[in-house]
C-alpha atoms as a PDB file:
ATOM      1  CA  MET A   1       3.269  32.724  -9.471  1.00  0.00           C
ATOM      2  CA  PRO A   2       3.611  28.954  -7.999  1.00  0.00           C
ATOM      3  CA  SER A   3       3.648  26.245 -10.438  1.00  0.00           C
ATOM      4  CA  ILE A   4       0.789  23.606 -10.010  1.00  0.00           C
ATOM      5  CA  VAL A   5       1.938  19.959  -9.473  1.00  0.00           C
ATOM      6  CA  ARG A   6      -0.663  17.368 -10.275  1.00  0.00           C
ATOM      7  CA  PHE A   7      -0.135  13.834  -9.227  1.00  0.00           C
ATOM      8  CA  ASP A   8      -2.298  10.748  -8.819  1.00  0.00           C
ATOM      9  CA  THR A   9      -3.087  10.114  -5.275  1.00  0.00           C
ATOM     10  CA  THR A  10      -5.207   6.698  -5.831  1.00  0.00           C
ATOM     11  CA  ILE A  11      -4.689   4.057  -3.078  1.00  0.00           C
ATOM     12  CA  SER A  12      -6.074   0.588  -4.382  1.00  0.00           C
ATOM     13  CA  ASN A  13      -6.220  -2.809  -3.005  1.00  0.00           C
ATOM     14  CA  SER A  14      -5.113  -4.226  -6.403  1.00  0.00           C
ATOM     15  CA  SER A  15      -1.177  -4.419  -6.968  1.00  0.00           C
ATOM     16  CA  PRO A  16       0.342  -4.759 -10.237  1.00  0.00           C
ATOM     17  CA  ASP A  17       2.821  -7.289  -8.384  1.00  0.00           C
ATOM     18  CA  ALA A  18       0.080  -9.479  -6.890  1.00  0.00           C
ATOM     19  CA  GLU A  19       1.530 -12.507  -8.334  1.00  0.00           C
ATOM     20  CA  LYS A  20       4.849 -11.916  -7.148  1.00  0.00           C
ATOM     21  CA  ILE A  21       3.447 -11.050  -3.548  1.00  0.00           C
ATOM     22  CA  THR A  22       1.457 -14.211  -3.590  1.00  0.00           C
ATOM     23  CA  ASN A  23       4.571 -16.157  -4.404  1.00  0.00           C
ATOM     24  CA  LEU A  24       6.498 -14.364  -1.295  1.00  0.00           C
ATOM     25  CA  THR A  25       3.587 -15.233   1.049  1.00  0.00           C
ATOM     26  CA  GLY A  26       3.016 -18.712  -0.001  1.00  0.00           C
ATOM     27  CA  GLY A  27      -0.427 -18.085  -0.858  1.00  0.00           C
ATOM     28  CA  VAL A  28      -1.440 -16.868   2.576  1.00  0.00           C
ATOM     29  CA  GLU A  29      -4.348 -14.305   2.528  1.00  0.00           C
ATOM     30  CA  VAL A  30      -3.048 -11.003   2.343  1.00  0.00           C
ATOM     31  CA  THR A  31      -4.734  -7.315   2.062  1.00  0.00           C
ATOM     32  CA  THR A  32      -2.754  -5.513  -0.763  1.00  0.00           C
ATOM     33  CA  LEU A  33      -2.393  -1.608  -0.732  1.00  0.00           C
ATOM     34  CA  HIS A  34      -1.119  -0.144  -3.898  1.00  0.00           C
ATOM     35  CA  PHE A  35      -0.138   3.574  -4.037  1.00  0.00           C
ATOM     36  CA  ASN A  36       0.152   4.987  -7.654  1.00  0.00           C
ATOM     37  CA  TYR A  37       2.133   7.867  -6.701  1.00  0.00           C
ATOM     38  CA  HIS A  38       5.641   7.076  -5.180  1.00  0.00           C
ATOM     39  CA  VAL A  39       8.008   9.872  -3.500  1.00  0.00           C
ATOM     40  CA  GLU A  40       9.936  10.412  -0.779  1.00  0.00           C
ATOM     41  CA  LEU A  41       7.779  12.083   2.087  1.00  0.00           C
ATOM     42  CA  SER A  42       9.183  15.228   4.021  1.00  0.00           C
ATOM     43  CA  GLY A  43       7.759  14.257   7.246  1.00  0.00           C
ATOM     44  CA  LYS A  44       5.794  11.605   9.290  1.00  0.00           C
ATOM     45  CA  VAL A  45       2.508  10.395   8.100  1.00  0.00           C
ATOM     46  CA  THR A  46      -0.050   8.674   9.948  1.00  0.00           C
ATOM     47  CA  MET A  47      -2.723   6.222   8.065  1.00  0.00           C
ATOM     48  CA  ARG A  48      -5.573   4.387   9.464  1.00  0.00           C
ATOM     49  CA  ILE A  49      -6.990   1.526   7.441  1.00  0.00           C
ATOM     50  CA  LEU A  50     -10.000  -0.652   8.149  1.00  0.00           C
ATOM     51  CA  VAL A  51      -9.610  -4.165   6.991  1.00  0.00           C
ATOM     52  CA  ALA A  52     -12.884  -5.701   6.831  1.00  0.00           C
ATOM     53  CA  GLY A  53     -13.576  -8.655   9.142  1.00  0.00           C
ATOM     54  CA  LYS A  54     -10.085  -7.992  11.194  1.00  0.00           C
ATOM     55  CA  ALA A  55     -11.546  -6.149  14.510  1.00  0.00           C
ATOM     56  CA  GLY A  56      -9.333  -6.934  17.426  1.00  0.00           C
ATOM     57  CA  GLU A  57      -6.882  -8.967  15.462  1.00  0.00           C
ATOM     58  CA  THR A  58      -3.141  -8.275  15.206  1.00  0.00           C
ATOM     59  CA  LEU A  59      -2.055  -7.534  11.660  1.00  0.00           C
ATOM     60  CA  ASN A  60       1.320  -7.383  10.248  1.00  0.00           C
ATOM     61  CA  LEU A  61       2.607  -4.816   7.815  1.00  0.00           C
ATOM     62  CA  TYR A  62       5.086  -5.458   4.971  1.00  0.00           C
ATOM     63  CA  TYR A  63       6.387  -3.096   2.257  1.00  0.00           C
ATOM     64  CA  PHE A  64       7.174  -4.573  -1.126  1.00  0.00           C
ATOM     65  CA  GLY A  65       9.227  -2.351  -3.675  1.00  0.00           C
ATOM     66  CA  ALA A  66       9.960  -4.412  -6.799  1.00  0.00           C
ATOM     67  CA  ALA A  67      13.405  -3.972  -7.896  1.00  0.00           C
END
């Protein structure tokens, strides 16, 4: 019988590293996505994220991984 693996798939817009990110960006407005579960994915993933009030604008995506 296969084992059951449970993990938290929550994605929030509140990061425990918010202060570090603010310091790195010089206080520029950012939208933060925080993934509660961290794992190396075995394939490609496509995500579509609606950022309210930013339709038609070019947005830059950065990864912040606290060391």
